[in-house]
PDB file of N, CA and C in Angstrom:
ATOM      1  N   UNK A   1     -27.785  40.663  89.563  1.00  0.00           N
ATOM      2  CA  UNK A   1     -27.249  42.137  89.051  1.00  0.00           C
ATOM      3  C   UNK A   1     -28.201  43.121  88.612  1.00  0.00           C
ATOM      4  N   UNK A   2     -28.964  42.264  87.332  1.00  0.00           N
ATOM      5  CA  UNK A   2     -29.779  42.822  86.597  1.00  0.00           C
ATOM      6  C   UNK A   2     -30.844  43.329  86.936  1.00  0.00           C
ATOM      7  N   UNK A   3     -31.524  42.860  87.913  1.00  0.00           N
ATOM      8  CA  UNK A   3     -32.643  43.082  88.793  1.00  0.00           C
ATOM      9  C   UNK A   3     -32.003  44.673  89.591  1.00  0.00           C
ATOM     10  N   UNK A   4     -31.089  44.720  90.245  1.00  0.00           N
ATOM     11  CA  UNK A   4     -30.547  45.509  91.104  1.00  0.00           C
ATOM     12  C   UNK A   4     -30.140  46.836  89.741  1.00  0.00           C
ATOM     13  N   UNK A   5     -29.266  46.764  88.730  1.00  0.00           N
ATOM     14  CA  UNK A   5     -28.922  47.810  87.990  1.00  0.00           C
ATOM     15  C   UNK A   5     -30.469  48.133  87.665  1.00  0.00           C
ATOM     16  N   UNK A   6     -31.461  47.245  86.742  1.00  0.00           N
ATOM     17  CA  UNK A   6     -31.910  47.846  86.019  1.00  0.00           C
ATOM     18  C   UNK A   6     -33.279  47.431  86.756  1.00  0.00           C
ATOM     19  N   UNK A   7     -33.905  47.146  87.660  1.00  0.00           N
ATOM     20  CA  UNK A   7     -34.992  47.038  88.399  1.00  0.00           C
ATOM     21  C   UNK A   7     -36.158  46.286  87.764  1.00  0.00           C
ATOM     22  N   UNK A   8     -35.599  45.003  87.183  1.00  0.00           N
ATOM     23  CA  UNK A   8     -36.202  44.225  86.202  1.00  0.00           C
ATOM     24  C   UNK A   8     -35.597  43.176  85.788  1.00  0.00           C
ATOM     25  N   UNK A   9     -35.998  41.981  85.705  1.00  0.00           N
ATOM     26  CA  UNK A   9     -35.370  40.430  84.945  1.00  0.00           C
ATOM     27  C   UNK A   9     -34.801  40.997  83.492  1.00  0.00           C
ATOM     28  N   UNK A  10     -33.922  39.891  83.441  1.00  0.00           N
ATOM     29  CA  UNK A  10     -32.796  39.912  82.313  1.00  0.00           C
ATOM     30  C   UNK A  10     -33.691  39.725  81.221  1.00  0.00           C
ATOM     31  N   UNK A  11     -35.034  39.300  81.155  1.00  0.00           N
ATOM     32  CA  UNK A  11     -35.918  38.833  80.017  1.00  0.00           C
ATOM     33  C   UNK A  11     -36.611  40.147  80.374  1.00  0.00           C
ATOM     34  N   UNK A  12     -37.037  40.508  80.938  1.00  0.00           N
ATOM     35  CA  UNK A  12     -37.989  41.968  80.949  1.00  0.00           C
ATOM     36  C   UNK A  12     -36.881  43.355  79.974  1.00  0.00           C
ATOM     37  N   UNK A  13     -35.563  42.866  80.347  1.00  0.00           N
ATOM     38  CA  UNK A  13     -34.656  43.834  80.088  1.00  0.00           C
ATOM     39  C   UNK A  13     -34.849  44.097  78.398  1.00  0.00           C
ATOM     40  N   UNK A  14     -34.319  42.826  78.256  1.00  0.00           N
ATOM     41  CA  UNK A  14     -33.881  42.597  76.747  1.00  0.00           C
ATOM     42  C   UNK A  14     -35.048  42.956  75.995  1.00  0.00           C
ATOM     43  N   UNK A  15     -36.406  42.498  76.128  1.00  0.00           N
ATOM     44  CA  UNK A  15     -37.926  43.142  75.688  1.00  0.00           C
ATOM     45  C   UNK A  15     -38.242  44.090  75.973  1.00  0.00           C
ATOM     46  N   UNK A  16     -37.963  44.773  76.676  1.00  0.00           N
ATOM     47  CA  UNK A  16     -38.268  46.448  77.344  1.00  0.00           C
ATOM     48  C   UNK A  16     -37.523  47.631  76.237  1.00  0.00           C
ATOM     49  N   UNK A  17     -36.082  46.526  75.911  1.00  0.00           N
ATOM     50  CA  UNK A  17     -34.728  47.535  75.013  1.00  0.00           C
ATOM     51  C   UNK A  17     -35.311  47.169  73.147  1.00  0.00           C
ATOM     52  N   UNK A  18     -35.787  46.040  73.409  1.00  0.00           N
ATOM     53  CA  UNK A  18     -35.755  45.599  71.668  1.00  0.00           C
ATOM     54  C   UNK A  18     -34.821  44.836  71.740  1.00  0.00           C
ATOM     55  N   UNK A  19     -33.744  44.342  72.888  1.00  0.00           N
ATOM     56  CA  UNK A  19     -32.609  43.631  72.365  1.00  0.00           C
ATOM     57  C   UNK A  19     -32.224  42.048  72.287  1.00  0.00           C
ATOM     58  N   UNK A  20     -32.050  41.643  71.889  1.00  0.00           N
ATOM     59  CA  UNK A  20     -31.859  40.132  71.506  1.00  0.00           C
ATOM     60  C   UNK A  20     -31.331  39.328  73.162  1.00  0.00           C
ATOM     61  N   UNK A  21     -32.376  38.677  73.009  1.00  0.00           N
ATOM     62  CA  UNK A  21     -31.843  37.626  74.060  1.00  0.00           C
ATOM     63  C   UNK A  21     -30.022  36.742  74.349  1.00  0.00           C
ATOM     64  N   UNK A  22     -29.632  37.366  75.381  1.00  0.00           N
ATOM     65  CA  UNK A  22     -28.223  36.754  75.443  1.00  0.00           C
ATOM     66  C   UNK A  22     -27.152  37.612  74.825  1.00  0.00           C
ATOM     67  N   UNK A  23     -27.830  38.503  73.462  1.00  0.00           N
ATOM     68  CA  UNK A  23     -26.689  39.392  73.644  1.00  0.00           C
ATOM     69  C   UNK A  23     -26.770  41.109  73.408  1.00  0.00           C
ATOM     70  N   UNK A  24     -25.983  41.168  74.599  1.00  0.00           N
ATOM     71  CA  UNK A  24     -25.540  41.996  75.079  1.00  0.00           C
ATOM     72  C   UNK A  24     -25.878  43.400  74.056  1.00  0.00           C
ATOM     73  N   UNK A  25     -25.282  43.302  73.025  1.00  0.00           N
ATOM     74  CA  UNK A  25     -24.407  44.352  72.117  1.00  0.00           C
ATOM     75  C   UNK A  25     -25.881  45.072  71.608  1.00  0.00           C
ATOM     76  N   UNK A  26     -27.179  44.306  71.512  1.00  0.00           N
ATOM     77  CA  UNK A  26     -27.715  44.774  70.548  1.00  0.00           C
ATOM     78  C   UNK A  26     -28.735  45.915  71.961  1.00  0.00           C
ATOM     79  N   UNK A  27     -28.532  45.931  73.075  1.00  0.00           N
ATOM     80  CA  UNK A  27     -28.638  46.859  74.227  1.00  0.00           C
ATOM     81  C   UNK A  27     -28.388  48.010  74.611  1.00  0.00           C
ATOM     82  N   UNK A  28     -28.951  48.217  74.708  1.00  0.00           N
ATOM     83  CA  UNK A  28     -28.245  50.236  74.657  1.00  0.00           C
ATOM     84  C   UNK A  28     -27.098  50.684  75.325  1.00  0.00           C
ATOM     85  N   UNK A  29     -26.387  51.616  74.790  1.00  0.00           N
ATOM     86  CA  UNK A  29     -25.542  51.740  75.149  1.00  0.00           C
ATOM     87  C   UNK A  29     -25.103  51.650  76.770  1.00  0.00           C
ATOM     88  N   UNK A  30     -26.223  52.674  77.704  1.00  0.00           N
ATOM     89  CA  UNK A  30     -25.784  52.911  78.815  1.00  0.00           C
ATOM     90  C   UNK A  30     -26.042  51.599  79.505  1.00  0.00           C
ATOM     91  N   UNK A  31     -26.836  50.602  79.186  1.00  0.00           N
ATOM     92  CA  UNK A  31     -27.298  49.534  79.525  1.00  0.00           C
ATOM     93  C   UNK A  31     -25.854  48.600  79.453  1.00  0.00           C
ATOM     94  N   UNK A  32     -24.887  48.476  78.270  1.00  0.00           N
ATOM     95  CA  UNK A  32     -24.518  47.813  78.512  1.00  0.00           C
ATOM     96  C   UNK A  32     -23.220  48.453  79.651  1.00  0.00           C
ATOM     97  N   UNK A  33     -22.495  49.570  79.403  1.00  0.00           N
ATOM     98  CA  UNK A  33     -22.140  50.085  80.152  1.00  0.00           C
ATOM     99  C   UNK A  33     -22.366  50.085  81.470  1.00  0.00           C
ATOM    100  N   UNK A  34     -23.727  49.647  82.240  1.00  0.00           N
ATOM    101  CA  UNK A  34     -24.016  49.888  83.445  1.00  0.00           C
ATOM    102  C   UNK A  34     -23.131  47.968  83.688  1.00  0.00           C
ATOM    103  N   UNK A  35     -23.506  47.356  82.759  1.00  0.00           N
ATOM    104  CA  UNK A  35     -23.243  46.237  83.683  1.00  0.00           C
ATOM    105  C   UNK A  35     -21.364  45.483  83.519  1.00  0.00           C
ATOM    106  N   UNK A  36     -21.036  46.731  82.684  1.00  0.00           N
ATOM    107  CA  UNK A  36     -19.140  46.764  82.684  1.00  0.00           C
ATOM    108  C   UNK A  36     -18.921  47.446  84.107  1.00  0.00           C
ATOM    109  N   UNK A  37     -19.602  48.253  84.171  1.00  0.00           N
ATOM    110  CA  UNK A  37     -19.417  49.172  85.377  1.00  0.00           C
ATOM    111  C   UNK A  37     -19.533  48.008  86.650  1.00  0.00           C
ATOM    112  N   UNK A  38     -20.667  47.351  86.529  1.00  0.00           N
ATOM    113  CA  UNK A  38     -21.451  46.635  87.728  1.00  0.00           C
ATOM    114  C   UNK A  38     -20.270  45.162  87.863  1.00  0.00           C
ATOM    115  N   UNK A  39     -20.031  45.041  86.867  1.00  0.00           N
ATOM    116  CA  UNK A  39     -19.458  43.383  87.185  1.00  0.00           C
ATOM    117  C   UNK A  39     -17.943  43.699  87.883  1.00  0.00           C
ATOM    118  N   UNK A  40     -17.388  45.132  87.413  1.00  0.00           N
ATOM    119  CA  UNK A  40     -16.028  45.234  87.214  1.00  0.00           C
ATOM    120  C   UNK A  40     -16.116  45.859  89.250  1.00  0.00           C
ATOM    121  N   UNK A  41     -16.879  46.800  89.370  1.00  0.00           N
ATOM    122  CA  UNK A  41     -17.423  46.963  90.822  1.00  0.00           C
ATOM    123  C   UNK A  41     -17.625  45.949  91.773  1.00  0.00           C
ATOM    124  N   UNK A  42     -18.057  44.723  91.385  1.00  0.00           N
ATOM    125  CA  UNK A  42     -18.272  43.395  92.038  1.00  0.00           C
ATOM    126  C   UNK A  42     -17.361  42.694  92.103  1.00  0.00           C
ATOM    127  N   UNK A  43     -16.192  42.421  91.461  1.00  0.00           N
ATOM    128  CA  UNK A  43     -15.365  41.518  90.612  1.00  0.00           C
ATOM    129  C   UNK A  43     -14.259  42.125  91.972  1.00  0.00           C
ATOM    130  N   UNK A  44     -14.166  43.864  91.891  1.00  0.00           N
ATOM    131  CA  UNK A  44     -13.394  44.329  93.058  1.00  0.00           C
ATOM    132  C   UNK A  44     -13.484  43.742  94.489  1.00  0.00           C
ATOM    133  N   UNK A  45     -14.972  43.973  94.841  1.00  0.00           N
ATOM    134  CA  UNK A  45     -15.636  44.019  96.124  1.00  0.00           C
ATOM    135  C   UNK A  45     -15.656  42.195  96.678  1.00  0.00           C
ATOM    136  N   UNK A  46     -15.694  41.588  94.945  1.00  0.00           N
ATOM    137  CA  UNK A  46     -15.658  39.820  95.652  1.00  0.00           C
ATOM    138  C   UNK A  46     -14.250  39.354  96.088  1.00  0.00           C
ATOM    139  N   UNK A  47     -13.036  40.324  95.319  1.00  0.00           N
ATOM    140  CA  UNK A  47     -11.577  40.133  95.598  1.00  0.00           C
ATOM    141  C   UNK A  47     -11.405  41.080  96.841  1.00  0.00           C
ATOM    142  N   UNK A  48     -12.218  42.002  97.624  1.00  0.00           N
ATOM    143  CA  UNK A  48     -11.840  41.916  99.235  1.00  0.00           C
ATOM    144  C   UNK A  48     -12.212  41.870 100.187  1.00  0.00           C
ATOM    145  N   UNK A  49     -13.182  40.801  99.567  1.00  0.00           N
ATOM    146  CA  UNK A  49     -14.123  40.302 100.763  1.00  0.00           C
ATOM    147  C   UNK A  49     -13.879  38.714 100.682  1.00  0.00           C
ATOM    148  N   UNK A  50     -13.514  38.441 102.543  1.00  0.00           N
ATOM    149  CA  UNK A  50     -13.556  36.809 102.687  1.00  0.00           C
ATOM    150  C   UNK A  50     -14.584  36.246 102.696  1.00  0.00           C
ATOM    151  N   UNK A  51     -14.719  35.625 101.514  1.00  0.00           N
ATOM    152  CA  UNK A  51     -15.923  34.358 101.294  1.00  0.00           C
ATOM    153  C   UNK A  51     -15.725  33.295 102.185  1.00  0.00           C
ATOM    154  N   UNK A  52     -16.353  32.827 103.547  1.00  0.00           N
ATOM    155  CA  UNK A  52     -16.163  31.504 104.065  1.00  0.00           C
ATOM    156  C   UNK A  52     -17.049  31.123 104.149  1.00  0.00           C
ATOM    157  N   UNK A  53     -17.357  30.129 105.048  1.00  0.00           N
ATOM    158  CA  UNK A  53     -18.586  28.982 105.398  1.00  0.00           C
ATOM    159  C   UNK A  53     -19.057  27.669 104.788  1.00  0.00           C
ATOM    160  N   UNK A  54     -19.922  27.270 105.127  1.00  0.00           N
ATOM    161  CA  UNK A  54     -19.715  25.863 104.038  1.00  0.00           C
ATOM    162  C   UNK A  54     -20.805  26.301 102.132  1.00  0.00           C
ATOM    163  N   UNK A  55     -21.025  25.885 101.852  1.00  0.00           N
ATOM    164  CA  UNK A  55     -21.217  25.844  99.891  1.00  0.00           C
ATOM    165  C   UNK A  55     -22.069  27.128 100.613  1.00  0.00           C
ATOM    166  N   UNK A  56     -23.682  26.763 100.919  1.00  0.00           N
ATOM    167  CA  UNK A  56     -24.711  27.742 100.811  1.00  0.00           C
ATOM    168  C   UNK A  56     -24.204  29.135 101.380  1.00  0.00           C
ATOM    169  N   UNK A  57     -23.621  28.726 102.474  1.00  0.00           N
ATOM    170  CA  UNK A  57     -22.974  30.430 102.814  1.00  0.00           C
ATOM    171  C   UNK A  57     -22.200  31.512 101.963  1.00  0.00           C
ATOM    172  N   UNK A  58     -21.420  30.643 101.528  1.00  0.00           N
ATOM    173  CA  UNK A  58     -20.483  31.184 100.350  1.00  0.00           C
ATOM    174  C   UNK A  58     -21.155  32.110  99.224  1.00  0.00           C
ATOM    175  N   UNK A  59     -22.035  30.552  98.998  1.00  0.00           N
ATOM    176  CA  UNK A  59     -23.184  31.421  97.606  1.00  0.00           C
ATOM    177  C   UNK A  59     -23.417  32.475  98.020  1.00  0.00           C
ATOM    178  N   UNK A  60     -24.289  33.034  99.201  1.00  0.00           N
ATOM    179  CA  UNK A  60     -24.975  33.692  99.771  1.00  0.00           C
ATOM    180  C   UNK A  60     -24.307  35.327  99.552  1.00  0.00           C
ATOM    181  N   UNK A  61     -23.085  34.605 100.265  1.00  0.00           N
ATOM    182  CA  UNK A  61     -22.049  35.863 100.487  1.00  0.00           C
ATOM    183  C   UNK A  61     -21.655  36.541  99.460  1.00  0.00           C
ATOM    184  N   UNK A  62     -22.244  35.680  98.171  1.00  0.00           N
ATOM    185  CA  UNK A  62     -21.320  36.567  96.395  1.00  0.00           C
ATOM    186  C   UNK A  62     -22.139  36.744  96.066  1.00  0.00           C
ATOM    187  N   UNK A  63     -24.000  36.198  96.959  1.00  0.00           N
ATOM    188  CA  UNK A  63     -24.969  36.661  95.713  1.00  0.00           C
ATOM    189  C   UNK A  63     -25.206  38.259  96.747  1.00  0.00           C
ATOM    190  N   UNK A  64     -24.964  38.685  98.128  1.00  0.00           N
ATOM    191  CA  UNK A  64     -24.686  39.974  98.579  1.00  0.00           C
ATOM    192  C   UNK A  64     -23.970  41.012  98.274  1.00  0.00           C
ATOM    193  N   UNK A  65     -22.520  40.461  98.238  1.00  0.00           N
ATOM    194  CA  UNK A  65     -21.201  40.844  97.186  1.00  0.00           C
ATOM    195  C   UNK A  65     -22.131  41.885  96.241  1.00  0.00           C
ATOM    196  N   UNK A  66     -22.438  41.036  95.338  1.00  0.00           N
ATOM    197  CA  UNK A  66     -22.434  41.361  93.500  1.00  0.00           C
ATOM    198  C   UNK A  66     -23.938  42.420  94.429  1.00  0.00           C
ATOM    199  N   UNK A  67     -24.893  41.972  94.851  1.00  0.00           N
ATOM    200  CA  UNK A  67     -26.239  42.846  94.911  1.00  0.00           C
ATOM    201  C   UNK A  67     -25.619  44.341  95.314  1.00  0.00           C
ATOM    202  N   UNK A  68     -24.716  44.675  96.396  1.00  0.00           N
ATOM    203  CA  UNK A  68     -23.999  45.462  96.688  1.00  0.00           C
ATOM    204  C   UNK A  68     -23.525  46.320  96.103  1.00  0.00           C
ATOM    205  N   UNK A  69     -22.652  45.733  95.296  1.00  0.00           N
ATOM    206  CA  UNK A  69     -21.771  46.514  94.160  1.00  0.00           C
ATOM    207  C   UNK A  69     -22.859  47.427  93.430  1.00  0.00           C
ATOM    208  N   UNK A  70     -23.605  46.364  92.446  1.00  0.00           N
ATOM    209  CA  UNK A  70     -24.847  46.904  91.565  1.00  0.00           C
ATOM    210  C   UNK A  70     -25.856  47.656  92.113  1.00  0.00           C
ATOM    211  N   UNK A  71     -26.192  47.721  93.331  1.00  0.00           N
ATOM    212  CA  UNK A  71     -27.015  49.031  93.775  1.00  0.00           C
ATOM    213  C   UNK A  71     -26.232  50.168  93.831  1.00  0.00           C
ATOM    214  N   UNK A  72     -24.904  49.807  94.377  1.00  0.00           N
ATOM    215  CA  UNK A  72     -24.088  51.633  94.034  1.00  0.00           C
ATOM    216  C   UNK A  72     -23.696  51.733  93.290  1.00  0.00           C
ATOM    217  N   UNK A  73     -24.097  50.970  92.243  1.00  0.00           N
ATOM    218  CA  UNK A  73     -23.498  50.982  90.538  1.00  0.00           C
ATOM    219  C   UNK A  73     -24.630  52.317  90.043  1.00  0.00           C
ATOM    220  N   UNK A  74     -26.023  52.066  90.418  1.00  0.00           N
ATOM    221  CA  UNK A  74     -27.043  51.627  89.493  1.00  0.00           C
ATOM    222  C   UNK A  74     -27.648  53.180  89.521  1.00  0.00           C
ATOM    223  N   UNK A  75     -26.997  54.638  90.694  1.00  0.00           N
ATOM    224  CA  UNK A  75     -27.370  55.595  90.272  1.00  0.00           C
ATOM    225  C   UNK A  75     -26.547  56.234  89.216  1.00  0.00           C
ATOM    226  N   UNK A  76     -25.688  55.053  89.149  1.00  0.00           N
ATOM    227  CA  UNK A  76     -24.531  56.439  87.872  1.00  0.00           C
ATOM    228  C   UNK A  76     -25.195  56.548  86.456  1.00  0.00           C
ATOM    229  N   UNK A  77     -26.318  56.011  86.465  1.00  0.00           N
ATOM    230  CA  UNK A  77     -26.550  55.799  84.986  1.00  0.00           C
ATOM    231  C   UNK A  77     -27.835  55.932  85.006  1.00  0.00           C
ATOM    232  N   UNK A  78     -28.351  56.833  83.430  1.00  0.00           N
ATOM    233  CA  UNK A  78     -29.730  57.142  82.871  1.00  0.00           C
ATOM    234  C   UNK A  78     -30.729  56.495  83.039  1.00  0.00           C
ATOM    235  N   UNK A  79     -31.480  56.055  83.283  1.00  0.00           N
ATOM    236  CA  UNK A  79     -32.606  54.813  82.658  1.00  0.00           C
ATOM    237  C   UNK A  79     -33.701  55.417  81.473  1.00  0.00           C
ATOM    238  N   UNK A  80     -34.086  55.729  80.425  1.00  0.00           N
ATOM    239  CA  UNK A  80     -34.753  56.423  79.687  1.00  0.00           C
ATOM    240  C   UNK A  80     -35.805  55.435  78.518  1.00  0.00           C
ATOM    241  N   UNK A  81     -35.823  54.585  78.754  1.00  0.00           N
ATOM    242  CA  UNK A  81     -36.265  53.427  77.630  1.00  0.00           C
ATOM    243  C   UNK A  81     -37.612  52.991  78.689  1.00  0.00           C
TER     244      UNK A  81
END
């Protein structure tokens, strides 16, 4: 989700925003809001998606669904850090 929403990895996000790793409250408010909206969208998409197949296939379906939801959310928030 972090890579889709912000175009970087988690470590880079915290470094670039001068947040403390593992403490979302230290991220800019826009980033916190993006995570909340992204997680909410992903949860709704996952609940509406039939996840089936073997363990590896289910795992990939979950990843794909979360990435798709995150991609839709990322355009809502402006990034200026």
